[in-house]
């Protein structure tokens, strides 16, 4: 049986609780995906997979449903420690027949925008390497982004990121970012 998702949406959340697992549950709830049985998959964005809004995607999910996702997750019980979770996306120009990439990044001490850009860069780099686009990995993301897009092979890159500071009283703080597949 070949299961190839036709839709994808992106969501993020944060949770705080004295118990680590409950903190994760609250982050899932904040993201709207707590009612599903989540199965983590690797980083391929299928050809012809339509990006839909979180609101539309959530209406397609049923309690107890097995749902495939790419998830970034980070947690801390260290007061004021900065954590972030990010998903990056790279979509090829010919997305009807060619697959793209998703990446996950979990960081400590990194602001949300930086973590998000890192995840976006990672997805774009993976896609560029499969497309044979030559680039210098030591150049800044902004420079490589221009090279990728100028190649005519990469149509779009983006990211979603959730960051938070560890609870000041030492409660568990969890961040998640997810790319959720739907039918």
N, C-alpha and C. Protein backbone atom coordinates (compact mmCIF):
# COMPACT_ATOMS: atom_id res chain seq x y z
N UNK A 1 0.84 -1.18 0.00
CA UNK A 1 0.00 0.00 0.00
C UNK A 1 0.89 1.24 0.00
N UNK A 2 0.71 2.08 -0.98
CA UNK A 2 1.49 3.32 -1.07
C UNK A 2 0.63 4.47 -0.54
N UNK A 3 1.09 5.06 0.52
CA UNK A 3 0.38 6.19 1.11
C UNK A 3 1.17 7.46 0.81
N UNK A 4 0.64 8.30 -0.06
CA UNK A 4 1.29 9.56 -0.40
C UNK A 4 0.33 10.69 -0.06
N UNK A 5 0.66 11.47 0.96
CA UNK A 5 -0.23 12.56 1.36
C UNK A 5 -0.41 13.59 0.25
N UNK A 6 -1.61 14.15 0.18
CA UNK A 6 -1.90 15.16 -0.83
C UNK A 6 -1.95 16.57 -0.27
N UNK A 7 -1.96 16.69 1.08
CA UNK A 7 -2.03 18.00 1.72
C UNK A 7 -1.09 18.03 2.92
N UNK A 8 -0.67 19.26 3.24
CA UNK A 8 0.19 19.46 4.40
C UNK A 8 -0.12 20.81 5.01
N UNK A 9 -0.04 20.88 6.34
CA UNK A 9 -0.17 22.18 7.00
C UNK A 9 0.88 22.27 8.10
N UNK A 10 1.12 23.50 8.53
CA UNK A 10 2.16 23.76 9.51
C UNK A 10 1.54 24.35 10.78
N UNK A 11 2.07 23.93 11.92
CA UNK A 11 1.56 24.42 13.19
C UNK A 11 2.70 24.46 14.20
N UNK A 12 2.46 25.15 15.29
CA UNK A 12 3.47 25.27 16.33
C UNK A 12 2.76 25.46 17.67
N UNK A 13 3.51 25.20 18.76
CA UNK A 13 2.91 25.37 20.07
C UNK A 13 3.95 25.38 21.17
N UNK A 14 3.49 25.81 22.33
CA UNK A 14 4.33 25.82 23.52
C UNK A 14 3.48 25.36 24.70
N UNK A 15 4.10 24.63 25.62
CA UNK A 15 3.41 24.16 26.81
C UNK A 15 4.31 24.28 28.03
N UNK A 16 3.70 24.53 29.18
CA UNK A 16 4.44 24.65 30.44
C UNK A 16 3.70 23.85 31.51
N UNK A 17 4.44 22.99 32.24
CA UNK A 17 3.82 22.16 33.28
C UNK A 17 4.93 21.60 34.18
N UNK A 18 4.56 21.16 35.36
CA UNK A 18 5.57 20.58 36.26
C UNK A 18 6.09 19.24 35.77
N UNK A 19 5.28 18.54 34.98
CA UNK A 19 5.70 17.26 34.41
C UNK A 19 6.10 17.43 32.95
N UNK A 20 7.20 16.80 32.57
CA UNK A 20 7.72 16.91 31.21
C UNK A 20 6.71 16.46 30.16
N UNK A 21 6.08 15.29 30.38
CA UNK A 21 5.12 14.77 29.41
C UNK A 21 3.90 15.68 29.30
N UNK A 22 3.42 16.19 30.41
CA UNK A 22 2.26 17.09 30.38
C UNK A 22 2.60 18.39 29.66
N UNK A 23 3.83 18.84 29.80
CA UNK A 23 4.28 20.04 29.09
C UNK A 23 4.22 19.80 27.58
N UNK A 24 4.65 18.62 27.15
CA UNK A 24 4.58 18.25 25.73
C UNK A 24 3.13 18.19 25.26
N UNK A 25 2.26 17.57 26.07
CA UNK A 25 0.83 17.49 25.74
C UNK A 25 0.23 18.88 25.57
N UNK A 26 0.60 19.81 26.45
CA UNK A 26 0.09 21.17 26.36
C UNK A 26 0.60 21.89 25.11
N UNK A 27 1.83 21.58 24.71
CA UNK A 27 2.36 22.16 23.46
C UNK A 27 1.58 21.61 22.26
N UNK A 28 1.30 20.30 22.28
CA UNK A 28 0.48 19.71 21.21
C UNK A 28 -0.91 20.35 21.18
N UNK A 29 -1.48 20.56 22.36
CA UNK A 29 -2.80 21.18 22.45
C UNK A 29 -2.77 22.60 21.91
N UNK A 30 -1.72 23.34 22.26
CA UNK A 30 -1.57 24.71 21.77
C UNK A 30 -1.46 24.72 20.24
N UNK A 31 -0.86 23.67 19.68
CA UNK A 31 -0.72 23.55 18.23
C UNK A 31 -1.98 22.99 17.57
N UNK A 32 -2.88 22.42 18.37
CA UNK A 32 -4.13 21.89 17.84
C UNK A 32 -4.09 20.45 17.38
N UNK A 33 -3.00 19.73 17.69
CA UNK A 33 -2.86 18.36 17.18
C UNK A 33 -2.80 17.31 18.30
N UNK A 34 -3.26 17.67 19.48
CA UNK A 34 -3.18 16.77 20.64
C UNK A 34 -4.08 15.56 20.53
N UNK A 35 -5.12 15.62 19.74
CA UNK A 35 -6.11 14.52 19.68
C UNK A 35 -5.69 13.40 18.74
N UNK A 36 -4.55 13.55 18.07
CA UNK A 36 -4.11 12.57 17.07
C UNK A 36 -3.00 11.68 17.60
N UNK A 37 -2.89 10.51 17.00
CA UNK A 37 -1.75 9.63 17.24
C UNK A 37 -0.71 9.97 16.19
N UNK A 38 0.32 10.66 16.63
CA UNK A 38 1.31 11.20 15.71
C UNK A 38 2.41 10.19 15.41
N UNK A 39 2.73 10.06 14.14
CA UNK A 39 3.81 9.19 13.69
C UNK A 39 4.82 10.09 13.00
N UNK A 40 6.04 10.09 13.52
CA UNK A 40 7.07 10.94 12.96
C UNK A 40 7.66 10.29 11.72
N UNK A 41 7.79 11.08 10.67
CA UNK A 41 8.39 10.61 9.43
C UNK A 41 9.57 11.51 9.08
N UNK A 42 10.32 11.09 8.08
CA UNK A 42 11.50 11.86 7.68
C UNK A 42 11.09 13.05 6.82
N UNK A 43 11.95 13.48 5.96
CA UNK A 43 11.90 14.86 5.48
C UNK A 43 11.48 15.10 4.04
N UNK A 44 10.67 14.24 3.47
CA UNK A 44 10.30 14.42 2.06
C UNK A 44 8.92 15.07 1.94
N UNK A 45 8.85 16.15 1.18
CA UNK A 45 7.59 16.78 0.82
C UNK A 45 7.17 16.16 -0.51
N UNK A 46 6.09 15.36 -0.52
CA UNK A 46 5.72 14.65 -1.75
C UNK A 46 5.39 15.59 -2.91
N UNK A 47 5.60 15.12 -4.14
CA UNK A 47 5.15 15.90 -5.29
C UNK A 47 3.63 16.12 -5.18
N UNK A 48 3.16 17.24 -5.70
CA UNK A 48 1.73 17.55 -5.73
C UNK A 48 1.09 17.67 -4.34
N UNK A 49 1.87 17.89 -3.32
CA UNK A 49 1.34 18.02 -1.97
C UNK A 49 0.99 19.49 -1.74
N UNK A 50 -0.28 19.77 -1.58
CA UNK A 50 -0.77 21.14 -1.47
C UNK A 50 -0.62 21.65 -0.03
N UNK A 51 -0.04 22.83 0.10
CA UNK A 51 0.05 23.46 1.42
C UNK A 51 -1.28 24.14 1.71
N UNK A 52 -1.88 23.75 2.84
CA UNK A 52 -3.16 24.33 3.24
C UNK A 52 -2.98 25.05 4.58
N UNK A 53 -3.95 25.84 4.95
CA UNK A 53 -3.87 26.59 6.21
C UNK A 53 -4.02 25.64 7.40
N UNK A 54 -3.52 26.05 8.52
CA UNK A 54 -3.67 25.28 9.75
C UNK A 54 -5.15 25.06 10.03
N UNK A 55 -5.94 26.10 9.87
CA UNK A 55 -7.38 26.01 10.16
C UNK A 55 -8.04 24.93 9.29
N UNK A 56 -7.74 24.93 8.01
CA UNK A 56 -8.30 23.91 7.12
C UNK A 56 -7.78 22.52 7.49
N UNK A 57 -6.49 22.43 7.76
CA UNK A 57 -5.89 21.15 8.12
C UNK A 57 -6.49 20.54 9.37
N UNK A 58 -6.73 21.36 10.38
CA UNK A 58 -7.28 20.85 11.63
C UNK A 58 -8.68 20.27 11.43
N UNK A 59 -9.44 20.81 10.47
CA UNK A 59 -10.78 20.27 10.23
C UNK A 59 -10.73 18.87 9.61
N UNK A 60 -9.58 18.50 9.05
CA UNK A 60 -9.45 17.18 8.42
C UNK A 60 -9.03 16.09 9.41
N UNK A 61 -8.71 16.47 10.63
CA UNK A 61 -8.23 15.51 11.62
C UNK A 61 -9.36 15.06 12.54
N UNK A 62 -9.32 13.76 12.88
CA UNK A 62 -10.33 13.18 13.77
C UNK A 62 -9.64 12.65 15.03
N UNK A 63 -10.30 12.70 16.18
CA UNK A 63 -9.70 12.16 17.40
C UNK A 63 -9.27 10.70 17.23
N UNK A 64 -8.05 10.41 17.63
CA UNK A 64 -7.52 9.05 17.54
C UNK A 64 -6.91 8.70 16.20
N UNK A 65 -7.05 9.56 15.21
CA UNK A 65 -6.52 9.29 13.88
C UNK A 65 -5.00 9.18 13.91
N UNK A 66 -4.46 8.25 13.13
CA UNK A 66 -3.02 8.15 12.97
C UNK A 66 -2.63 9.19 11.93
N UNK A 67 -1.74 10.09 12.32
CA UNK A 67 -1.37 11.23 11.49
C UNK A 67 0.15 11.27 11.38
N UNK A 68 0.62 11.39 10.14
CA UNK A 68 2.05 11.48 9.89
C UNK A 68 2.49 12.94 9.95
N UNK A 69 3.66 13.17 10.53
CA UNK A 69 4.17 14.54 10.62
C UNK A 69 5.69 14.53 10.71
N UNK A 70 6.26 15.68 10.38
CA UNK A 70 7.66 15.96 10.66
C UNK A 70 7.61 16.94 11.82
N UNK A 71 8.25 16.58 12.94
CA UNK A 71 8.14 17.42 14.13
C UNK A 71 9.51 17.78 14.69
N UNK A 72 9.62 19.04 15.09
CA UNK A 72 10.77 19.51 15.86
C UNK A 72 10.25 19.73 17.27
N UNK A 73 11.02 19.30 18.26
CA UNK A 73 10.59 19.38 19.67
C UNK A 73 11.79 19.72 20.53
N UNK A 74 11.59 20.62 21.47
CA UNK A 74 12.64 20.96 22.42
C UNK A 74 11.99 21.22 23.76
N UNK A 75 12.74 20.97 24.83
CA UNK A 75 12.19 21.17 26.17
C UNK A 75 13.30 21.48 27.17
N UNK A 76 12.90 22.20 28.21
CA UNK A 76 13.84 22.53 29.27
C UNK A 76 13.08 22.75 30.57
N UNK A 77 13.76 22.51 31.68
CA UNK A 77 13.23 22.91 32.98
C UNK A 77 14.20 23.89 33.64
N UNK A 78 15.08 24.43 32.82
CA UNK A 78 16.06 25.41 33.27
C UNK A 78 15.45 26.81 33.17
N UNK A 79 15.31 27.51 34.28
CA UNK A 79 14.69 28.85 34.24
C UNK A 79 15.38 29.77 33.23
N UNK A 80 14.56 30.44 32.42
CA UNK A 80 14.99 31.45 31.46
C UNK A 80 15.84 30.93 30.30
N UNK A 81 16.02 29.63 30.16
CA UNK A 81 16.80 29.10 29.04
C UNK A 81 15.97 29.22 27.76
N UNK A 82 16.56 29.82 26.74
CA UNK A 82 15.88 30.01 25.47
C UNK A 82 15.92 28.72 24.65
N UNK A 83 14.74 28.26 24.23
CA UNK A 83 14.65 27.07 23.39
C UNK A 83 13.81 27.40 22.16
N UNK A 84 14.04 26.64 21.11
CA UNK A 84 13.23 26.83 19.90
C UNK A 84 13.13 25.52 19.14
N UNK A 85 12.05 25.42 18.39
CA UNK A 85 11.79 24.28 17.51
C UNK A 85 11.33 24.85 16.17
N UNK A 86 11.93 24.38 15.09
CA UNK A 86 11.61 24.94 13.78
C UNK A 86 11.51 23.86 12.71
N UNK A 87 10.64 24.11 11.74
CA UNK A 87 10.51 23.28 10.55
C UNK A 87 10.82 24.16 9.34
N UNK A 88 11.70 23.70 8.48
CA UNK A 88 12.01 24.40 7.24
C UNK A 88 11.41 23.65 6.07
N UNK A 89 11.12 24.38 5.00
CA UNK A 89 10.50 23.79 3.81
C UNK A 89 11.21 24.32 2.57
N UNK A 90 11.48 23.43 1.63
CA UNK A 90 12.01 23.83 0.33
C UNK A 90 11.18 23.14 -0.74
N UNK A 91 10.58 23.94 -1.61
CA UNK A 91 9.67 23.44 -2.63
C UNK A 91 10.31 23.63 -4.01
N UNK A 92 10.42 22.56 -4.79
CA UNK A 92 11.01 22.69 -6.13
C UNK A 92 10.06 23.40 -7.08
N UNK A 93 10.62 23.99 -8.10
CA UNK A 93 9.80 24.69 -9.10
C UNK A 93 8.80 23.74 -9.75
N UNK A 94 9.23 22.55 -10.05
CA UNK A 94 8.36 21.55 -10.67
C UNK A 94 7.79 20.64 -9.57
N UNK A 95 6.98 21.20 -8.69
CA UNK A 95 6.48 20.44 -7.55
C UNK A 95 5.38 19.45 -7.93
N UNK A 96 4.93 19.47 -9.18
CA UNK A 96 3.94 18.48 -9.62
C UNK A 96 4.57 17.10 -9.83
N UNK A 97 5.87 17.09 -10.15
CA UNK A 97 6.51 15.81 -10.40
C UNK A 97 7.75 15.57 -9.53
N UNK A 98 8.20 16.59 -8.85
CA UNK A 98 9.43 16.47 -8.07
C UNK A 98 9.14 16.71 -6.59
N UNK A 99 9.84 15.97 -5.75
CA UNK A 99 9.63 16.14 -4.31
C UNK A 99 10.48 17.29 -3.76
N UNK A 100 10.03 17.80 -2.62
CA UNK A 100 10.76 18.83 -1.91
C UNK A 100 11.29 18.28 -0.60
N UNK A 101 11.75 19.17 0.25
CA UNK A 101 12.31 18.75 1.54
C UNK A 101 11.71 19.53 2.69
N UNK A 102 11.62 18.82 3.82
CA UNK A 102 11.27 19.40 5.11
C UNK A 102 12.46 19.14 6.02
N UNK A 103 12.71 20.04 6.93
CA UNK A 103 13.79 19.81 7.90
C UNK A 103 13.30 20.23 9.27
N UNK A 104 13.86 19.60 10.29
CA UNK A 104 13.55 20.00 11.66
C UNK A 104 14.81 20.44 12.36
N UNK A 105 14.65 21.44 13.21
CA UNK A 105 15.80 21.99 13.94
C UNK A 105 15.34 22.29 15.37
N UNK A 106 16.13 21.88 16.33
CA UNK A 106 15.84 22.10 17.75
C UNK A 106 17.05 22.81 18.34
N UNK A 107 16.85 23.97 18.94
CA UNK A 107 18.01 24.75 19.38
C UNK A 107 17.85 25.28 20.79
N UNK A 108 18.99 25.45 21.43
CA UNK A 108 19.08 26.13 22.72
C UNK A 108 19.80 27.45 22.49
N UNK A 109 19.31 28.52 23.09
CA UNK A 109 19.99 29.81 23.03
C UNK A 109 19.87 30.51 21.70
N UNK A 110 18.97 30.07 20.85
CA UNK A 110 18.81 30.67 19.52
C UNK A 110 17.43 31.31 19.43
N UNK A 111 17.40 32.57 19.03
CA UNK A 111 16.11 33.25 18.84
C UNK A 111 15.32 32.55 17.75
N UNK A 112 14.00 32.69 17.81
CA UNK A 112 13.12 32.01 16.87
C UNK A 112 13.44 32.27 15.41
N UNK A 113 13.68 33.51 15.05
CA UNK A 113 13.93 33.84 13.65
C UNK A 113 15.21 33.17 13.15
N UNK A 114 16.24 33.13 13.99
CA UNK A 114 17.50 32.50 13.60
C UNK A 114 17.31 30.99 13.46
N UNK A 115 16.61 30.38 14.40
CA UNK A 115 16.34 28.93 14.32
C UNK A 115 15.51 28.62 13.09
N UNK A 116 14.52 29.45 12.80
CA UNK A 116 13.67 29.24 11.63
C UNK A 116 14.46 29.34 10.34
N UNK A 117 15.30 30.35 10.24
CA UNK A 117 16.13 30.50 9.04
C UNK A 117 17.10 29.34 8.88
N UNK A 118 17.62 28.83 9.99
CA UNK A 118 18.52 27.68 9.94
C UNK A 118 17.79 26.47 9.36
N UNK A 119 16.56 26.23 9.84
CA UNK A 119 15.77 25.09 9.35
C UNK A 119 15.45 25.26 7.87
N UNK A 120 15.12 26.49 7.47
CA UNK A 120 14.82 26.79 6.06
C UNK A 120 16.06 26.54 5.20
N UNK A 121 17.20 27.00 5.68
CA UNK A 121 18.47 26.80 4.99
C UNK A 121 18.76 25.31 4.84
N UNK A 122 18.54 24.56 5.89
CA UNK A 122 18.81 23.12 5.87
C UNK A 122 17.95 22.42 4.81
N UNK A 123 16.66 22.75 4.77
CA UNK A 123 15.77 22.14 3.76
C UNK A 123 16.22 22.54 2.35
N UNK A 124 16.53 23.81 2.16
CA UNK A 124 16.96 24.28 0.84
C UNK A 124 18.27 23.63 0.41
N UNK A 125 19.18 23.46 1.34
CA UNK A 125 20.47 22.84 1.03
C UNK A 125 20.28 21.38 0.62
N UNK A 126 19.39 20.66 1.34
CA UNK A 126 19.12 19.27 0.98
C UNK A 126 18.51 19.19 -0.42
N UNK A 127 17.57 20.07 -0.72
CA UNK A 127 16.95 20.07 -2.04
C UNK A 127 17.97 20.46 -3.11
N UNK A 128 18.75 21.49 -2.85
CA UNK A 128 19.76 21.94 -3.83
C UNK A 128 20.75 20.82 -4.15
N UNK A 129 21.15 20.06 -3.13
CA UNK A 129 22.13 19.00 -3.39
C UNK A 129 21.53 17.89 -4.24
N UNK A 130 20.23 17.60 -4.10
CA UNK A 130 19.62 16.57 -4.94
C UNK A 130 19.39 17.06 -6.36
N UNK A 131 19.26 18.38 -6.53
CA UNK A 131 19.04 18.95 -7.85
C UNK A 131 20.33 19.25 -8.59
N UNK A 132 21.47 19.07 -7.90
CA UNK A 132 22.76 19.32 -8.53
C UNK A 132 23.12 20.79 -8.61
N UNK A 133 22.51 21.62 -7.77
CA UNK A 133 22.84 23.05 -7.76
C UNK A 133 24.14 23.22 -6.98
N UNK A 134 25.11 23.86 -7.61
CA UNK A 134 26.39 24.07 -6.94
C UNK A 134 26.34 25.29 -6.06
N UNK A 135 26.90 25.16 -4.86
CA UNK A 135 26.90 26.26 -3.90
C UNK A 135 28.04 26.07 -2.92
N UNK A 136 28.39 27.15 -2.26
CA UNK A 136 29.42 27.12 -1.23
C UNK A 136 28.72 27.04 0.12
N UNK A 137 28.83 25.92 0.83
CA UNK A 137 28.12 25.78 2.10
C UNK A 137 28.61 26.75 3.18
N UNK A 138 29.74 27.40 2.94
CA UNK A 138 30.28 28.34 3.92
C UNK A 138 29.73 29.76 3.75
N UNK A 139 29.01 29.99 2.66
CA UNK A 139 28.40 31.32 2.45
C UNK A 139 27.19 31.48 3.35
N UNK A 140 26.84 32.70 3.62
CA UNK A 140 25.67 33.00 4.45
C UNK A 140 24.40 32.52 3.77
N UNK A 141 23.38 32.20 4.57
CA UNK A 141 22.10 31.73 4.05
C UNK A 141 21.53 32.67 3.01
N UNK A 142 21.58 33.97 3.24
CA UNK A 142 21.00 34.94 2.31
C UNK A 142 21.65 34.83 0.93
N UNK A 143 22.96 34.61 0.90
CA UNK A 143 23.66 34.48 -0.38
C UNK A 143 23.27 33.18 -1.08
N UNK A 144 23.24 32.08 -0.32
CA UNK A 144 22.88 30.79 -0.91
C UNK A 144 21.42 30.79 -1.34
N UNK A 145 20.56 31.45 -0.58
CA UNK A 145 19.14 31.52 -0.94
C UNK A 145 18.98 32.14 -2.33
N UNK A 146 19.75 33.19 -2.60
CA UNK A 146 19.69 33.84 -3.91
C UNK A 146 20.19 32.91 -5.01
N UNK A 147 21.24 32.16 -4.72
CA UNK A 147 21.78 31.20 -5.70
C UNK A 147 20.73 30.12 -5.98
N UNK A 148 20.12 29.59 -4.92
CA UNK A 148 19.12 28.54 -5.08
C UNK A 148 17.96 29.01 -5.95
N UNK A 149 17.45 30.20 -5.64
CA UNK A 149 16.28 30.70 -6.36
C UNK A 149 16.66 31.13 -7.79
N UNK A 150 17.86 31.63 -7.97
CA UNK A 150 18.31 32.04 -9.30
C UNK A 150 18.54 30.82 -10.20
N UNK A 151 18.75 29.67 -9.62
CA UNK A 151 18.98 28.45 -10.41
C UNK A 151 17.76 28.08 -11.25
N UNK A 152 16.59 28.57 -10.84
CA UNK A 152 15.37 28.23 -11.55
C UNK A 152 14.78 26.90 -11.14
N UNK A 153 15.40 26.21 -10.19
CA UNK A 153 14.92 24.90 -9.76
C UNK A 153 14.15 24.94 -8.44
N UNK A 154 14.47 25.91 -7.58
CA UNK A 154 13.80 25.99 -6.28
C UNK A 154 12.81 27.14 -6.33
N UNK A 155 11.56 26.82 -6.12
CA UNK A 155 10.48 27.79 -6.23
C UNK A 155 10.31 28.62 -4.96
N UNK A 156 10.32 27.93 -3.81
CA UNK A 156 9.99 28.63 -2.58
C UNK A 156 10.63 27.93 -1.39
N UNK A 157 11.03 28.76 -0.41
CA UNK A 157 11.47 28.24 0.88
C UNK A 157 10.72 29.01 1.95
N UNK A 158 10.50 28.36 3.10
CA UNK A 158 9.83 29.01 4.21
C UNK A 158 10.11 28.23 5.48
N UNK A 159 9.66 28.77 6.60
CA UNK A 159 9.83 28.07 7.87
C UNK A 159 8.71 28.45 8.84
N UNK A 160 8.57 27.62 9.87
CA UNK A 160 7.70 27.92 11.00
C UNK A 160 8.53 27.61 12.24
N UNK A 161 8.42 28.47 13.24
CA UNK A 161 9.26 28.29 14.43
C UNK A 161 8.50 28.69 15.68
N UNK A 162 8.74 27.96 16.74
CA UNK A 162 8.22 28.32 18.07
C UNK A 162 9.41 28.42 19.01
N UNK A 163 9.52 29.56 19.69
CA UNK A 163 10.58 29.70 20.70
C UNK A 163 9.93 30.10 22.02
N UNK A 164 10.64 29.85 23.10
CA UNK A 164 10.14 30.21 24.43
C UNK A 164 11.31 30.23 25.40
N UNK A 165 11.13 30.96 26.47
CA UNK A 165 12.10 30.93 27.57
C UNK A 165 11.60 29.94 28.61
N UNK A 166 12.54 29.19 29.17
CA UNK A 166 12.19 28.26 30.24
C UNK A 166 11.47 28.99 31.36
N UNK A 167 10.45 28.34 31.91
CA UNK A 167 9.66 28.91 32.99
C UNK A 167 10.56 29.36 34.14
N UNK A 168 10.29 30.55 34.64
CA UNK A 168 11.15 31.14 35.69
C UNK A 168 11.16 30.33 36.98
N UNK A 169 10.13 29.50 37.19
CA UNK A 169 10.06 28.68 38.41
C UNK A 169 10.56 27.25 38.19
N UNK A 170 11.13 26.98 37.02
CA UNK A 170 11.70 25.67 36.76
C UNK A 170 10.70 24.62 36.30
N UNK A 171 9.50 25.05 35.90
CA UNK A 171 8.56 24.09 35.32
C UNK A 171 9.07 23.70 33.93
N UNK A 172 8.64 22.54 33.46
CA UNK A 172 9.04 22.12 32.11
C UNK A 172 8.38 23.01 31.08
N UNK A 173 9.18 23.47 30.13
CA UNK A 173 8.69 24.27 29.00
C UNK A 173 9.05 23.49 27.74
N UNK A 174 8.05 23.27 26.88
CA UNK A 174 8.24 22.52 25.65
C UNK A 174 7.81 23.36 24.46
N UNK A 175 8.61 23.35 23.41
CA UNK A 175 8.23 23.99 22.14
C UNK A 175 8.15 22.90 21.08
N UNK A 176 7.19 23.07 20.17
CA UNK A 176 7.09 22.17 19.02
C UNK A 176 6.80 22.99 17.77
N UNK A 177 7.22 22.46 16.66
CA UNK A 177 6.84 22.95 15.34
C UNK A 177 6.61 21.69 14.52
N UNK A 178 5.55 21.69 13.70
CA UNK A 178 5.23 20.46 12.97
C UNK A 178 4.71 20.74 11.58
N UNK A 179 5.08 19.88 10.67
CA UNK A 179 4.51 19.81 9.33
C UNK A 179 3.61 18.58 9.37
N UNK A 180 2.31 18.78 9.25
CA UNK A 180 1.33 17.72 9.44
C UNK A 180 0.73 17.33 8.09
N UNK A 181 0.81 16.04 7.75
CA UNK A 181 0.27 15.54 6.49
C UNK A 181 -1.20 15.20 6.64
N UNK A 182 -1.97 15.47 5.59
CA UNK A 182 -3.40 15.16 5.58
C UNK A 182 -3.77 14.59 4.22
N UNK A 183 -4.90 13.96 4.16
CA UNK A 183 -5.40 13.35 2.91
C UNK A 183 -6.35 14.30 2.23
